[in-house]
Amino acid sequence: MPLLFPMIQNLWDQVSPYYHLMFRQTLFADPRTGPRYHKKIIQSLAAKDPQTASKWLKTDLVESAEFVASVMRSIQAEKDDR
């Protein structure tokens, strides 16, 4: 068995729950994170502007974390209402 496959599988197992939560953003007309920030990161890297790329990466990660936390709070509130 190749050595890389178990590493990839392990990473996927860790990220998969968050990946599914992030897809809930597709329920919104204008998702806050994702492609918009990724495009800005790529443009900044292409322009050899690491400070701006870092700014957009941080923004993407922070807003993604806030979104995941809000979804988790929403799920917990639904459970509490039952």
C-alpha atoms as a PDB file:
ATOM      1  CA  MET A   1       0.000   0.000   0.000  1.00  0.00           C
ATOM      2  CA  PRO A   2       1.408   3.402  -0.888  1.00  0.00           C
ATOM      3  CA  LEU A   3       2.502   5.519   2.052  1.00  0.00           C
ATOM      4  CA  LEU A   4       0.721   8.661   0.900  1.00  0.00           C
ATOM      5  CA  PHE A   5      -2.780   7.145   0.862  1.00  0.00           C
ATOM      6  CA  PRO A   6      -3.073   6.661   4.663  1.00  0.00           C
ATOM      7  CA  MET A   7      -1.855  10.234   5.213  1.00  0.00           C
ATOM      8  CA  ILE A   8      -4.445  11.610   2.798  1.00  0.00           C
ATOM      9  CA  GLN A   9      -7.169   9.454   4.350  1.00  0.00           C
ATOM     10  CA  ASN A  10      -6.232  10.676   7.829  1.00  0.00           C
ATOM     11  CA  LEU A  11      -6.367  14.313   6.713  1.00  0.00           C
ATOM     12  CA  TRP A  12      -9.686  13.752   4.961  1.00  0.00           C
ATOM     13  CA  ASP A  13     -11.141  12.142   8.103  1.00  0.00           C
ATOM     14  CA  GLN A  14     -10.160  15.231  10.091  1.00  0.00           C
ATOM     15  CA  VAL A  15     -11.477  17.773   7.579  1.00  0.00           C
ATOM     16  CA  SER A  16     -14.584  16.048   6.245  1.00  0.00           C
ATOM     17  CA  PRO A  17     -17.047  17.174   8.958  1.00  0.00           C
ATOM     18  CA  TYR A  18     -16.047  20.810   8.472  1.00  0.00           C
ATOM     19  CA  TYR A  19     -16.122  20.388   4.711  1.00  0.00           C
ATOM     20  CA  HIS A  20     -19.764  19.342   4.916  1.00  0.00           C
ATOM     21  CA  LEU A  21     -20.594  22.264   7.193  1.00  0.00           C
ATOM     22  CA  MET A  22     -18.962  24.700   4.803  1.00  0.00           C
ATOM     23  CA  PHE A  23     -21.167  23.408   1.994  1.00  0.00           C
ATOM     24  CA  ARG A  24     -24.137  24.784   3.929  1.00  0.00           C
ATOM     25  CA  GLN A  25     -23.006  28.180   2.675  1.00  0.00           C
ATOM     26  CA  THR A  26     -24.374  27.202  -0.717  1.00  0.00           C
ATOM     27  CA  LEU A  27     -27.814  27.729   0.826  1.00  0.00           C
ATOM     28  CA  PHE A  28     -27.092  31.472   0.827  1.00  0.00           C
ATOM     29  CA  ALA A  29     -27.349  33.665  -2.265  1.00  0.00           C
ATOM     30  CA  ASP A  30     -23.893  35.158  -1.643  1.00  0.00           C
ATOM     31  CA  PRO A  31     -21.605  32.886   0.396  1.00  0.00           C
ATOM     32  CA  ARG A  32     -19.281  34.888   2.636  1.00  0.00           C
ATOM     33  CA  THR A  33     -16.210  32.769   2.227  1.00  0.00           C
ATOM     34  CA  GLY A  34     -14.755  30.529  -0.400  1.00  0.00           C
ATOM     35  CA  PRO A  35     -14.199  31.429  -4.031  1.00  0.00           C
ATOM     36  CA  ARG A  36     -14.181  35.202  -3.539  1.00  0.00           C
ATOM     37  CA  TYR A  37     -11.335  35.073  -1.007  1.00  0.00           C
ATOM     38  CA  HIS A  38      -9.530  32.273  -2.813  1.00  0.00           C
ATOM     39  CA  LYS A  39      -9.467  34.418  -5.957  1.00  0.00           C
ATOM     40  CA  LYS A  40      -8.011  37.340  -3.999  1.00  0.00           C
ATOM     41  CA  ILE A  41      -5.356  35.062  -2.480  1.00  0.00           C
ATOM     42  CA  ILE A  42      -4.366  33.765  -5.915  1.00  0.00           C
ATOM     43  CA  GLN A  43      -4.269  37.297  -7.364  1.00  0.00           C
ATOM     44  CA  SER A  44      -2.067  38.450  -4.491  1.00  0.00           C
ATOM     45  CA  LEU A  45       0.318  35.546  -4.954  1.00  0.00           C
ATOM     46  CA  ALA A  46       0.467  36.172  -8.705  1.00  0.00           C
ATOM     47  CA  ALA A  47       1.309  39.814  -7.943  1.00  0.00           C
ATOM     48  CA  LYS A  48       4.050  38.614  -5.563  1.00  0.00           C
ATOM     49  CA  ASP A  49       2.310  40.399  -2.694  1.00  0.00           C
ATOM     50  CA  PRO A  50       2.596  38.063   0.303  1.00  0.00           C
ATOM     51  CA  GLN A  51       1.213  40.597   2.793  1.00  0.00           C
ATOM     52  CA  THR A  52      -2.055  40.939   0.892  1.00  0.00           C
ATOM     53  CA  ALA A  53      -2.228  37.185   0.293  1.00  0.00           C
ATOM     54  CA  SER A  54      -1.742  36.666   4.023  1.00  0.00           C
ATOM     55  CA  LYS A  55      -4.497  39.180   4.803  1.00  0.00           C
ATOM     56  CA  TRP A  56      -7.004  37.384   2.541  1.00  0.00           C
ATOM     57  CA  LEU A  57      -5.965  33.951   3.839  1.00  0.00           C
ATOM     58  CA  LYS A  58      -6.517  35.114   7.416  1.00  0.00           C
ATOM     59  CA  THR A  59      -9.875  36.640   6.460  1.00  0.00           C
ATOM     60  CA  ASP A  60     -10.923  33.396   4.758  1.00  0.00           C
ATOM     61  CA  LEU A  61      -9.925  31.254   7.737  1.00  0.00           C
ATOM     62  CA  VAL A  62     -11.484  33.547  10.354  1.00  0.00           C
ATOM     63  CA  GLU A  63     -14.782  33.907   8.504  1.00  0.00           C
ATOM     64  CA  SER A  64     -14.885  30.185   7.773  1.00  0.00           C
ATOM     65  CA  ALA A  65     -14.370  29.423  11.464  1.00  0.00           C
ATOM     66  CA  GLU A  66     -17.087  31.926  12.400  1.00  0.00           C
ATOM     67  CA  PHE A  67     -19.455  30.310   9.913  1.00  0.00           C
ATOM     68  CA  VAL A  68     -18.766  26.806  11.233  1.00  0.00           C
ATOM     69  CA  ALA A  69     -19.312  28.029  14.803  1.00  0.00           C
ATOM     70  CA  SER A  70     -22.624  29.672  13.832  1.00  0.00           C
ATOM     71  CA  VAL A  71     -23.816  26.470  12.141  1.00  0.00           C
ATOM     72  CA  MET A  72     -22.879  24.458  15.225  1.00  0.00           C
ATOM     73  CA  ARG A  73     -24.741  26.928  17.463  1.00  0.00           C
ATOM     74  CA  SER A  74     -27.768  26.664  15.173  1.00  0.00           C
ATOM     75  CA  ILE A  75     -27.691  22.861  15.291  1.00  0.00           C
ATOM     76  CA  GLN A  76     -27.400  22.949  19.090  1.00  0.00           C
ATOM     77  CA  ALA A  77     -30.311  25.406  19.342  1.00  0.00           C
ATOM     78  CA  GLU A  78     -32.458  23.076  17.217  1.00  0.00           C
ATOM     79  CA  LYS A  79     -31.601  20.188  19.548  1.00  0.00           C
ATOM     80  CA  ASP A  80     -32.373  22.303  22.616  1.00  0.00           C
ATOM     81  CA  ASP A  81     -35.791  23.226  21.168  1.00  0.00           C
ATOM     82  CA  ARG A  82     -36.842  19.580  20.884  1.00  0.00           C
END
